[in-house]
Amino acid sequence: MSAHRVFLVGDSLFSDTLSRLLGRYEQIEILGSAPNAKAITFESLPDLPDVFILAGDEDRFPPELGLLVEKFPNTPLICAELKRSALRVFTSQQYQARAEDLISVITSLPKRR
């Protein structure tokens, strides 16, 4: 079984600790890290990761979230937040821009009430 390729985004002790922790597991391969999403380009990646982890120590969405979704729309993102002891997983899917597709996507989403 091949390892899941992970790329870490963050410039903190928390992101360094995550890198060391995850690097201990044989089912995880750390491809690298960057201090922020602006520093990541296709050329800077040895391989396309299976997931990006945004390691933050603040109680808010990292500003890199939108930039990573734009650059790598088919790669899942995990926001690991130290203060909340929480993980948020984001995935993105691209659909054709037809009205039928928009209606189909909307009606397939769970209702919030």
C-alpha atoms as a PDB file:
ATOM      1  CA  MET A   1       0.000   0.000   0.000  1.00  0.00           C
ATOM      2  CA  SER A   2       1.441   3.366  -0.955  1.00  0.00           C
ATOM      3  CA  ALA A   3       1.636   6.205   1.531  1.00  0.00           C
ATOM      4  CA  HIS A   4      -0.669   9.222   1.494  1.00  0.00           C
ATOM      5  CA  ARG A   5       1.296  12.219   0.254  1.00  0.00           C
ATOM      6  CA  VAL A   6       0.903  15.251   2.524  1.00  0.00           C
ATOM      7  CA  PHE A   7       2.078  18.824   2.059  1.00  0.00           C
ATOM      8  CA  LEU A   8       2.066  21.096   5.115  1.00  0.00           C
ATOM      9  CA  VAL A   9       1.326  24.817   4.975  1.00  0.00           C
ATOM     10  CA  GLY A  10       2.203  26.968   7.951  1.00  0.00           C
ATOM     11  CA  ASP A  11       5.012  28.770   9.664  1.00  0.00           C
ATOM     12  CA  SER A  12       4.720  27.915  13.337  1.00  0.00           C
ATOM     13  CA  LEU A  13       5.879  25.518  15.987  1.00  0.00           C
ATOM     14  CA  PHE A  14       2.546  23.729  15.527  1.00  0.00           C
ATOM     15  CA  SER A  15       3.233  23.016  11.830  1.00  0.00           C
ATOM     16  CA  ASP A  16       6.765  21.818  12.654  1.00  0.00           C
ATOM     17  CA  THR A  17       5.366  19.514  15.336  1.00  0.00           C
ATOM     18  CA  LEU A  18       2.728  18.140  12.947  1.00  0.00           C
ATOM     19  CA  SER A  19       5.407  17.412  10.370  1.00  0.00           C
ATOM     20  CA  ARG A  20       7.501  15.444  12.860  1.00  0.00           C
ATOM     21  CA  LEU A  21       4.450  13.635  14.255  1.00  0.00           C
ATOM     22  CA  LEU A  22       3.023  12.623  10.872  1.00  0.00           C
ATOM     23  CA  GLY A  23       6.472  11.680   9.573  1.00  0.00           C
ATOM     24  CA  ARG A  24       6.573   8.827  12.084  1.00  0.00           C
ATOM     25  CA  TYR A  25       3.768   6.953  10.316  1.00  0.00           C
ATOM     26  CA  GLU A  26       4.680   4.759   7.376  1.00  0.00           C
ATOM     27  CA  GLN A  27       1.292   5.370   5.737  1.00  0.00           C
ATOM     28  CA  ILE A  28       2.102   9.111   5.543  1.00  0.00           C
ATOM     29  CA  GLU A  29       4.721  10.674   3.288  1.00  0.00           C
ATOM     30  CA  ILE A  30       5.522  14.322   3.959  1.00  0.00           C
ATOM     31  CA  LEU A  31       6.281  15.849   0.559  1.00  0.00           C
ATOM     32  CA  GLY A  32       7.378  19.153   2.031  1.00  0.00           C
ATOM     33  CA  SER A  33       6.153  22.343   3.590  1.00  0.00           C
ATOM     34  CA  ALA A  34       5.769  26.020   2.878  1.00  0.00           C
ATOM     35  CA  PRO A  35       5.231  28.990   5.173  1.00  0.00           C
ATOM     36  CA  ASN A  36       2.095  30.021   3.235  1.00  0.00           C
ATOM     37  CA  ALA A  37       0.075  29.165   0.132  1.00  0.00           C
ATOM     38  CA  LYS A  38       1.658  31.930  -1.950  1.00  0.00           C
ATOM     39  CA  ALA A  39       4.969  30.079  -1.752  1.00  0.00           C
ATOM     40  CA  ILE A  40       3.507  26.914  -3.306  1.00  0.00           C
ATOM     41  CA  THR A  41       3.748  26.427  -7.052  1.00  0.00           C
ATOM     42  CA  PHE A  42       3.469  23.332  -9.203  1.00  0.00           C
ATOM     43  CA  GLU A  43       7.209  23.625  -9.801  1.00  0.00           C
ATOM     44  CA  SER A  44       7.950  23.596  -6.049  1.00  0.00           C
ATOM     45  CA  LEU A  45       6.102  20.317  -5.497  1.00  0.00           C
ATOM     46  CA  PRO A  46       7.979  17.065  -6.089  1.00  0.00           C
ATOM     47  CA  ASP A  47       4.605  15.344  -6.638  1.00  0.00           C
ATOM     48  CA  LEU A  48       1.058  16.532  -6.338  1.00  0.00           C
ATOM     49  CA  PRO A  49      -0.017  15.785  -2.756  1.00  0.00           C
ATOM     50  CA  ASP A  50      -3.074  13.766  -1.812  1.00  0.00           C
ATOM     51  CA  VAL A  51      -3.901  16.414   0.786  1.00  0.00           C
ATOM     52  CA  PHE A  52      -2.730  19.808   1.997  1.00  0.00           C
ATOM     53  CA  ILE A  53      -2.704  20.475   5.733  1.00  0.00           C
ATOM     54  CA  LEU A  54      -2.980  24.096   6.806  1.00  0.00           C
ATOM     55  CA  ALA A  55      -1.562  24.180  10.312  1.00  0.00           C
ATOM     56  CA  GLY A  56      -2.706  27.231  12.207  1.00  0.00           C
ATOM     57  CA  ASP A  57      -2.714  28.401  15.753  1.00  0.00           C
ATOM     58  CA  GLU A  58      -5.460  30.969  15.315  1.00  0.00           C
ATOM     59  CA  ASP A  59      -9.198  30.558  15.756  1.00  0.00           C
ATOM     60  CA  ARG A  60     -10.185  31.529  12.211  1.00  0.00           C
ATOM     61  CA  PHE A  61      -9.969  30.257   8.670  1.00  0.00           C
ATOM     62  CA  PRO A  62      -6.504  30.769   7.261  1.00  0.00           C
ATOM     63  CA  PRO A  63      -6.328  33.253   4.390  1.00  0.00           C
ATOM     64  CA  GLU A  64      -4.531  30.586   2.330  1.00  0.00           C
ATOM     65  CA  LEU A  65      -7.667  28.462   2.110  1.00  0.00           C
ATOM     66  CA  GLY A  66      -9.139  30.226  -0.928  1.00  0.00           C
ATOM     67  CA  LEU A  67      -5.793  30.475  -2.665  1.00  0.00           C
ATOM     68  CA  LEU A  68      -5.161  26.735  -2.332  1.00  0.00           C
ATOM     69  CA  VAL A  69      -8.651  25.882  -3.589  1.00  0.00           C
ATOM     70  CA  GLU A  70      -7.992  28.088  -6.609  1.00  0.00           C
ATOM     71  CA  LYS A  71      -4.520  26.646  -7.329  1.00  0.00           C
ATOM     72  CA  PHE A  72      -5.333  23.001  -6.541  1.00  0.00           C
ATOM     73  CA  PRO A  73      -9.121  22.568  -6.929  1.00  0.00           C
ATOM     74  CA  ASN A  74      -9.139  18.768  -6.785  1.00  0.00           C
ATOM     75  CA  THR A  75      -6.915  18.341  -3.727  1.00  0.00           C
ATOM     76  CA  PRO A  76      -8.550  18.073  -0.281  1.00  0.00           C
ATOM     77  CA  LEU A  77      -7.524  20.581   2.373  1.00  0.00           C
ATOM     78  CA  ILE A  78      -7.367  19.951   6.099  1.00  0.00           C
ATOM     79  CA  CYS A  79      -7.290  22.929   8.445  1.00  0.00           C
ATOM     80  CA  ALA A  80      -5.689  21.814  11.695  1.00  0.00           C
ATOM     81  CA  GLU A  81      -6.396  24.427  14.342  1.00  0.00           C
ATOM     82  CA  LEU A  82      -4.370  24.281  17.525  1.00  0.00           C
ATOM     83  CA  LYS A  83      -6.560  26.527  19.686  1.00  0.00           C
ATOM     84  CA  ARG A  84      -9.770  24.706  18.825  1.00  0.00           C
ATOM     85  CA  SER A  85      -8.275  21.208  18.873  1.00  0.00           C
ATOM     86  CA  ALA A  86     -10.247  20.712  15.689  1.00  0.00           C
ATOM     87  CA  LEU A  87      -9.850  19.595  12.106  1.00  0.00           C
ATOM     88  CA  ARG A  88     -11.865  20.986   9.216  1.00  0.00           C
ATOM     89  CA  VAL A  89     -11.770  19.107   5.929  1.00  0.00           C
ATOM     90  CA  PHE A  90     -12.550  20.906   2.675  1.00  0.00           C
ATOM     91  CA  THR A  91     -13.009  19.357  -0.728  1.00  0.00           C
ATOM     92  CA  SER A  92     -13.767  21.040  -4.008  1.00  0.00           C
ATOM     93  CA  GLN A  93     -15.483  19.751  -7.110  1.00  0.00           C
ATOM     94  CA  GLN A  94     -15.789  21.470 -10.440  1.00  0.00           C
ATOM     95  CA  TYR A  95     -19.008  21.163 -12.456  1.00  0.00           C
ATOM     96  CA  GLN A  96     -20.120  22.422 -15.824  1.00  0.00           C
ATOM     97  CA  ALA A  97     -21.807  25.810 -15.689  1.00  0.00           C
ATOM     98  CA  ARG A  98     -25.237  24.740 -16.899  1.00  0.00           C
ATOM     99  CA  ALA A  99     -28.449  25.539 -15.043  1.00  0.00           C
ATOM    100  CA  GLU A 100     -29.317  21.837 -14.752  1.00  0.00           C
ATOM    101  CA  ASP A 101     -25.965  21.161 -13.083  1.00  0.00           C
ATOM    102  CA  LEU A 102     -26.451  23.994 -10.605  1.00  0.00           C
ATOM    103  CA  ILE A 103     -29.921  22.724  -9.700  1.00  0.00           C
ATOM    104  CA  SER A 104     -28.579  19.176  -9.351  1.00  0.00           C
ATOM    105  CA  VAL A 105     -25.768  20.290  -7.047  1.00  0.00           C
ATOM    106  CA  ILE A 106     -28.077  22.421  -4.891  1.00  0.00           C
ATOM    107  CA  THR A 107     -30.671  19.685  -4.462  1.00  0.00           C
ATOM    108  CA  SER A 108     -28.009  17.086  -3.626  1.00  0.00           C
ATOM    109  CA  LEU A 109     -26.732  19.111  -0.662  1.00  0.00           C
ATOM    110  CA  PRO A 110     -28.103  18.300   2.791  1.00  0.00           C
ATOM    111  CA  LYS A 111     -30.646  20.733   4.189  1.00  0.00           C
ATOM    112  CA  ARG A 112     -29.546  22.595   7.313  1.00  0.00           C
ATOM    113  CA  ARG A 113     -32.872  22.536   9.162  1.00  0.00           C
END
